[in-house]
Amino acid sequence: MSNQVTFRVFRGEPDADGDPFGQMVDYAVDLDEGMVVLDVIHRIQAEQAPDLACRWNCKAGKCGSCSAEVNGKPRLMCMTRMDDIMEEVSDGEPILVKPMQAFPLTKDLVTDTSWAYETDRRIVPINGPGDSDWEFHQKEADRLQEFRSCIECMLCVNTCHVLREHQKFDEFAGPRFFVRLAGLEMHPLDTENRIPQIKDDFGIGYCNITKCCTEVCPAGIKITDNAIIPLKERVVTEFYDPLAIVARMLGVKEKLPKPSPRLYVGDANVKVARRALEKEKGRVENARKLERKRVERARGKG
């Protein structure tokens, strides 16, 4: 590994409209054996750019704070070794470090992830027995433990095209929160039914299971296979299984709760659309009548 490397780091802040505004700045940095990307950023702060903004905490891959895009890939800077990065680039090529692109820019490498806290508050917490002395099988605990290893680094959210490209933050919970929802839904003692909310408010139907979130997860969670796909299957069973529909008609199965009117596209919205269409038809008809009267008046004068 060369003793020096060029880091091309994004420097900037939002403009008056909140859009990211800045430039890529080159820094030549001396490398030491065993350094990770975060070490290099710290050296840049110490020796060349003390005002470079970078969020970090534990430097051990446990807090999820130092998320960034290194050479175009979402990664934890503290877990990305320079030895590996140097194998990705040709000699003399700079190493690109940018903030996560899916979130609003705060400054330099720091982004505003407050959306995550707002989404977290929308999820109904566990609803289990009052007695906290719960007992369940080890295999059930093992299944949940994978989801509990999430460090909320938001790299999966940053790489999700539904959020990054289409900005569906109000309609889509994103892979991180489908992991949390899966952990709640699969808890053996939880009694809350979140499936209607997962379908309507959290928009799981937007996900087309490309597995890009799984590929960048530093905790190794199989987000697509073990969280999103099982939740999709539960939505299909709950809403579209013919046996479940018949069971509800016969009163054998409990009826579904009313869907959220905020995002649900269903009968209520269809009625609103029909009323709007009838109103528009009436407006067009009135306009035609007025035009007809004007023509008749003009002919009478002629």
Protein backbone atom coordinates (compact mmCIF):
# COMPACT_ATOMS: atom_id res chain seq x y z
CA MET A 1 0.00 0.00 0.00
CA SER A 2 1.28 3.46 -0.94
CA ASN A 3 2.26 5.78 1.91
CA GLN A 4 0.11 8.61 0.57
CA VAL A 5 -3.35 8.84 -0.90
CA THR A 6 -5.62 11.58 -2.25
CA PHE A 7 -9.04 11.88 -0.65
CA ARG A 8 -11.60 13.84 -2.67
CA VAL A 9 -14.16 14.87 -0.02
CA PHE A 10 -17.43 16.73 -0.47
CA ARG A 11 -17.45 20.12 1.24
CA GLY A 12 -20.65 22.15 1.34
CA GLU A 13 -23.93 23.14 2.94
CA PRO A 14 -27.54 23.51 1.79
CA ASP A 15 -28.38 26.64 -0.18
CA ALA A 16 -31.34 28.93 0.56
CA ASP A 17 -33.73 26.39 -0.99
CA GLY A 18 -32.31 23.52 1.06
CA ASP A 19 -30.58 21.91 -1.91
CA PRO A 20 -27.02 20.63 -1.36
CA PHE A 21 -24.44 23.10 -2.60
CA GLY A 22 -20.68 22.57 -2.50
CA GLN A 23 -17.68 21.05 -4.21
CA MET A 24 -15.29 18.13 -4.04
CA VAL A 25 -11.99 19.10 -2.38
CA ASP A 26 -8.75 17.11 -2.67
CA TYR A 27 -6.60 16.30 0.37
CA ALA A 28 -3.26 14.47 0.19
CA VAL A 29 -2.92 12.29 3.28
CA ASP A 30 -0.14 10.10 4.64
CA LEU A 31 -1.28 6.58 5.47
CA ASP A 32 -0.33 4.37 8.39
CA GLU A 33 -0.68 0.62 8.55
CA GLY A 34 -4.15 -0.60 9.50
CA MET A 35 -6.00 2.67 8.91
CA VAL A 36 -9.70 2.79 8.08
CA VAL A 37 -11.45 5.53 6.11
CA LEU A 38 -12.57 7.27 9.30
CA ASP A 39 -8.93 7.46 10.45
CA VAL A 40 -8.06 9.30 7.26
CA ILE A 41 -10.97 11.73 7.71
CA HIS A 42 -9.78 12.39 11.27
CA ARG A 43 -6.26 13.05 9.97
CA ILE A 44 -7.65 15.53 7.44
CA GLN A 45 -9.52 17.27 10.27
CA ALA A 46 -6.41 17.37 12.45
CA GLU A 47 -3.91 18.50 9.83
CA GLN A 48 -5.70 20.28 6.98
CA ALA A 49 -9.40 21.03 7.48
CA PRO A 50 -10.46 21.43 11.12
CA ASP A 51 -13.91 22.63 10.01
CA LEU A 52 -14.68 19.42 8.08
CA ALA A 53 -17.97 18.10 9.50
CA CYS A 54 -18.20 14.35 10.07
CA ARG A 55 -20.51 12.40 12.38
CA TRP A 56 -19.04 9.49 14.34
CA ASN A 57 -19.14 7.99 17.82
CA CYS A 58 -17.93 4.48 18.66
CA LYS A 59 -15.46 3.74 15.81
CA ALA A 60 -16.33 0.08 16.27
CA GLY A 61 -19.19 -0.53 13.84
CA LYS A 62 -21.83 -0.48 16.59
CA CYS A 63 -23.34 3.03 16.58
CA GLY A 64 -23.99 3.49 12.85
CA SER A 65 -23.01 7.18 12.99
CA CYS A 66 -20.23 7.38 10.38
CA SER A 67 -22.27 6.35 7.35
CA ALA A 68 -21.08 7.83 4.05
CA GLU A 69 -20.56 6.95 0.40
CA VAL A 70 -17.00 5.83 -0.29
CA ASN A 71 -16.21 5.41 -3.98
CA GLY A 72 -19.93 5.43 -4.70
CA LYS A 73 -20.89 2.70 -2.25
CA PRO A 74 -22.71 3.29 1.07
CA ARG A 75 -20.41 2.12 3.89
CA LEU A 76 -19.47 2.66 7.49
CA MET A 77 -16.22 4.62 7.38
CA CYS A 78 -14.99 3.03 10.60
CA MET A 79 -15.36 -0.48 9.17
CA THR A 80 -13.92 0.24 5.72
CA ARG A 81 -10.21 -0.59 5.69
CA MET A 82 -7.87 1.43 3.51
CA ASP A 83 -6.18 -1.79 2.35
CA ASP A 84 -9.48 -2.83 0.74
CA ILE A 85 -10.13 0.62 -0.70
CA MET A 86 -6.69 0.78 -2.30
CA GLU A 87 -7.42 -2.48 -4.11
CA GLU A 88 -10.51 -0.86 -5.68
CA VAL A 89 -8.73 2.14 -7.23
CA SER A 90 -5.94 2.49 -9.74
CA ASP A 91 -2.66 4.15 -8.80
CA GLY A 92 -3.05 7.91 -8.54
CA GLU A 93 -6.87 7.84 -8.54
CA PRO A 94 -8.51 9.85 -5.71
CA ILE A 95 -10.82 8.16 -3.22
CA LEU A 96 -14.24 9.78 -3.28
CA VAL A 97 -16.05 10.40 0.01
CA LYS A 98 -19.55 11.89 -0.08
CA PRO A 99 -22.46 12.17 2.37
CA MET A 100 -25.47 9.88 2.03
CA GLN A 101 -27.45 11.10 -0.97
CA ALA A 102 -30.93 10.05 0.17
CA PHE A 103 -31.06 12.45 3.13
CA PRO A 104 -31.00 16.27 3.30
CA LEU A 105 -27.51 17.70 3.66
CA THR A 106 -26.53 19.34 6.95
CA LYS A 107 -22.87 20.06 6.24
CA ASP A 108 -20.01 18.27 4.48
CA LEU A 109 -20.40 14.55 5.35
CA VAL A 110 -23.26 15.05 7.82
CA THR A 111 -26.88 14.51 6.76
CA ASP A 112 -30.22 15.07 8.49
CA THR A 113 -31.73 11.69 9.41
CA SER A 114 -34.56 13.03 11.58
CA TRP A 115 -37.01 11.26 9.24
CA ALA A 116 -35.90 8.00 10.87
CA TYR A 117 -36.96 9.15 14.34
CA GLU A 118 -40.33 10.35 13.03
CA THR A 119 -40.95 7.02 11.28
CA ASP A 120 -39.90 5.10 14.39
CA ARG A 121 -42.56 6.90 16.43
CA ARG A 122 -45.26 5.84 13.95
CA ILE A 123 -44.68 2.14 14.66
CA VAL A 124 -46.89 0.55 17.29
CA PRO A 125 -44.57 -0.94 19.94
CA ILE A 126 -44.77 -4.50 21.20
CA ASN A 127 -48.10 -5.45 22.73
CA GLY A 128 -47.56 -8.55 24.81
CA PRO A 129 -48.58 -10.08 28.13
CA GLY A 130 -48.43 -7.86 31.19
CA ASP A 131 -46.13 -10.31 32.90
CA SER A 132 -42.57 -9.59 31.80
CA ASP A 133 -41.40 -13.13 32.57
CA TRP A 134 -41.83 -14.32 29.00
CA GLU A 135 -40.83 -17.77 27.82
CA PHE A 136 -40.47 -18.94 24.23
CA HIS A 137 -38.37 -21.37 22.21
CA GLN A 138 -34.74 -20.69 21.36
CA LYS A 139 -35.41 -20.90 17.62
CA GLU A 140 -37.93 -18.08 18.03
CA ALA A 141 -35.35 -16.01 19.88
CA ASP A 142 -32.75 -16.72 17.20
CA ARG A 143 -35.07 -15.48 14.48
CA LEU A 144 -35.63 -12.18 16.30
CA GLN A 145 -31.99 -11.73 17.23
CA GLU A 146 -31.00 -11.08 13.61
CA PHE A 147 -33.31 -8.07 13.50
CA ARG A 148 -32.03 -6.78 16.84
CA SER A 149 -28.51 -6.52 15.39
CA CYS A 150 -29.52 -3.49 13.30
CA ILE A 151 -27.37 -0.47 14.23
CA GLU A 152 -29.59 2.06 12.41
CA CYS A 153 -26.78 3.27 10.18
CA MET A 154 -29.37 4.02 7.43
CA LEU A 155 -27.11 2.65 4.69
CA CYS A 156 -29.96 0.41 3.55
CA VAL A 157 -32.26 3.44 3.35
CA ASN A 158 -29.64 5.38 1.42
CA THR A 159 -29.34 2.68 -1.23
CA CYS A 160 -33.11 2.03 -1.55
CA HIS A 161 -34.28 3.45 -4.90
CA VAL A 162 -37.82 4.06 -3.57
CA LEU A 163 -36.40 6.61 -1.14
CA ARG A 164 -33.20 7.74 -2.86
CA GLU A 165 -34.59 8.21 -6.36
CA HIS A 166 -38.31 8.67 -5.80
CA GLN A 167 -38.32 10.35 -2.37
CA LYS A 168 -41.32 8.36 -1.06
CA PHE A 169 -40.43 9.18 2.55
CA ASP A 170 -44.05 9.91 3.52
CA GLU A 171 -45.40 6.70 1.99
CA PHE A 172 -42.66 4.11 2.48
CA ALA A 173 -41.06 2.93 5.72
CA GLY A 174 -37.87 1.74 4.07
CA PRO A 175 -35.79 -1.38 4.75
CA ARG A 176 -34.58 -0.36 8.21
CA PHE A 177 -38.12 -0.10 9.57
CA PHE A 178 -39.36 -3.20 7.80
CA VAL A 179 -36.64 -4.94 9.81
CA ARG A 180 -38.11 -3.50 13.00
CA LEU A 181 -41.68 -4.32 11.93
CA ALA A 182 -40.63 -7.89 11.11
CA GLY A 183 -39.11 -8.25 14.57
CA LEU A 184 -42.39 -7.14 16.14
CA GLU A 185 -44.65 -9.17 13.85
CA MET A 186 -42.62 -12.35 14.41
CA HIS A 187 -42.40 -11.99 18.18
CA PRO A 188 -44.19 -15.07 19.56
CA LEU A 189 -46.00 -13.14 22.32
CA ASP A 190 -46.92 -9.96 20.47
CA THR A 191 -50.67 -9.58 19.85
CA GLU A 192 -50.77 -6.36 17.78
CA ASN A 193 -51.89 -6.58 14.13
CA ARG A 194 -49.70 -4.21 12.13
CA ILE A 195 -50.35 -5.76 8.72
CA PRO A 196 -52.87 -3.10 7.53
CA GLN A 197 -50.43 -0.38 8.57
CA ILE A 198 -47.55 -2.17 6.83
CA LYS A 199 -49.63 -2.34 3.64
CA ASP A 200 -51.18 1.14 3.65
CA ASP A 201 -49.17 3.59 5.77
CA PHE A 202 -45.75 1.99 5.29
CA GLY A 203 -46.25 1.06 1.63
CA ILE A 204 -44.46 -2.29 1.51
CA GLY A 205 -45.86 -2.77 -2.00
CA TYR A 206 -43.36 -0.21 -3.31
CA CYS A 207 -40.47 -2.61 -2.63
CA ASN A 208 -39.56 -4.76 -5.63
CA ILE A 209 -37.03 -6.84 -3.66
CA THR A 210 -33.87 -5.91 -5.58
CA LYS A 211 -31.83 -6.81 -2.44
CA CYS A 212 -29.70 -3.67 -2.71
CA CYS A 213 -30.42 -2.98 0.98
CA THR A 214 -29.18 -6.43 2.00
CA GLU A 215 -25.95 -5.95 0.04
CA VAL A 216 -24.88 -2.86 2.02
CA CYS A 217 -25.98 -3.94 5.52
CA PRO A 218 -22.86 -3.91 7.75
CA ALA A 219 -24.60 -6.11 10.32
CA GLY A 220 -25.20 -8.86 7.74
CA ILE A 221 -28.98 -8.84 8.17
CA LYS A 222 -30.78 -10.58 5.31
CA ILE A 223 -33.25 -7.71 5.06
CA THR A 224 -34.99 -8.83 1.88
CA ASP A 225 -35.24 -12.57 2.50
CA ASN A 226 -35.92 -12.61 6.24
CA ALA A 227 -37.86 -9.37 6.81
CA ILE A 228 -39.43 -7.83 3.70
CA ILE A 229 -40.52 -10.97 1.86
CA PRO A 230 -42.18 -12.54 4.97
CA LEU A 231 -44.04 -9.25 5.58
CA LYS A 232 -45.17 -9.19 1.95
CA GLU A 233 -46.42 -12.76 2.34
CA ARG A 234 -48.42 -11.78 5.44
CA VAL A 235 -49.99 -8.85 3.58
CA VAL A 236 -51.02 -11.16 0.73
CA THR A 237 -52.45 -13.72 3.16
CA GLU A 238 -54.34 -11.09 5.15
CA PHE A 239 -55.81 -9.13 2.24
CA TYR A 240 -55.90 -11.36 -0.84
CA ASP A 241 -56.13 -15.00 0.30
CA PRO A 242 -59.58 -16.29 -0.89
CA LEU A 243 -59.91 -18.51 2.18
CA ALA A 244 -59.31 -15.54 4.49
CA ILE A 245 -61.90 -13.48 2.59
CA VAL A 246 -64.49 -16.26 2.89
CA ALA A 247 -63.64 -16.75 6.57
CA ARG A 248 -64.34 -13.07 7.23
CA MET A 249 -67.63 -13.25 5.33
CA LEU A 250 -68.69 -16.22 7.48
CA GLY A 251 -67.55 -14.50 10.67
CA VAL A 252 -64.94 -17.18 11.39
CA LYS A 253 -62.04 -14.77 10.99
CA GLU A 254 -61.87 -11.34 12.57
CA LYS A 255 -62.60 -8.47 10.17
CA LEU A 256 -59.74 -6.23 9.09
CA PRO A 257 -59.45 -2.87 10.85
CA LYS A 258 -60.35 0.22 8.88
CA PRO A 259 -57.47 1.31 6.64
CA SER A 260 -55.66 4.58 7.20
CA PRO A 261 -57.42 7.37 5.28
CA ARG A 262 -54.12 9.24 4.99
CA LEU A 263 -52.49 7.09 2.35
CA TYR A 264 -54.98 4.35 1.52
CA VAL A 265 -56.01 4.23 -2.13
CA GLY A 266 -59.37 2.50 -2.01
CA ASP A 267 -63.14 3.00 -2.03
CA ALA A 268 -63.07 6.31 -0.16
CA ASN A 269 -60.64 7.79 -2.64
CA VAL A 270 -62.63 6.41 -5.56
CA LYS A 271 -65.76 8.14 -4.24
CA VAL A 272 -63.87 11.41 -3.94
CA ALA A 273 -62.61 11.01 -7.51
CA ARG A 274 -66.13 10.27 -8.77
CA ARG A 275 -67.53 13.36 -7.03
CA ALA A 276 -64.76 15.45 -8.58
CA LEU A 277 -65.54 13.96 -11.99
CA GLU A 278 -69.27 14.72 -11.65
CA LYS A 279 -68.43 18.25 -10.55
CA GLU A 280 -66.18 18.71 -13.58
CA LYS A 281 -68.89 17.35 -15.90
CA GLY A 282 -71.35 19.85 -14.41
CA ARG A 283 -68.89 22.70 -14.91
CA VAL A 284 -68.35 21.71 -18.55
CA GLU A 285 -72.11 21.47 -19.17
CA ASN A 286 -72.72 24.93 -17.67
CA ALA A 287 -69.94 26.33 -19.83
CA ARG A 288 -71.60 24.83 -22.92
CA LYS A 289 -74.97 26.34 -21.98
CA LEU A 290 -73.43 29.79 -21.55
CA GLU A 291 -71.67 29.48 -24.89
CA ARG A 292 -74.94 28.42 -26.55
CA LYS A 293 -76.73 31.47 -25.12
CA ARG A 294 -74.00 33.80 -26.36
CA VAL A 295 -74.25 32.31 -29.86
CA GLU A 296 -78.06 32.67 -29.87
CA ARG A 297 -77.83 36.29 -28.73
CA ALA A 298 -75.28 37.01 -31.44
CA ARG A 299 -77.51 35.43 -34.10
CA GLY A 300 -80.54 37.41 -32.84
CA LYS A 301 -78.63 40.65 -33.18
CA GLY A 302 -77.57 39.70 -36.72
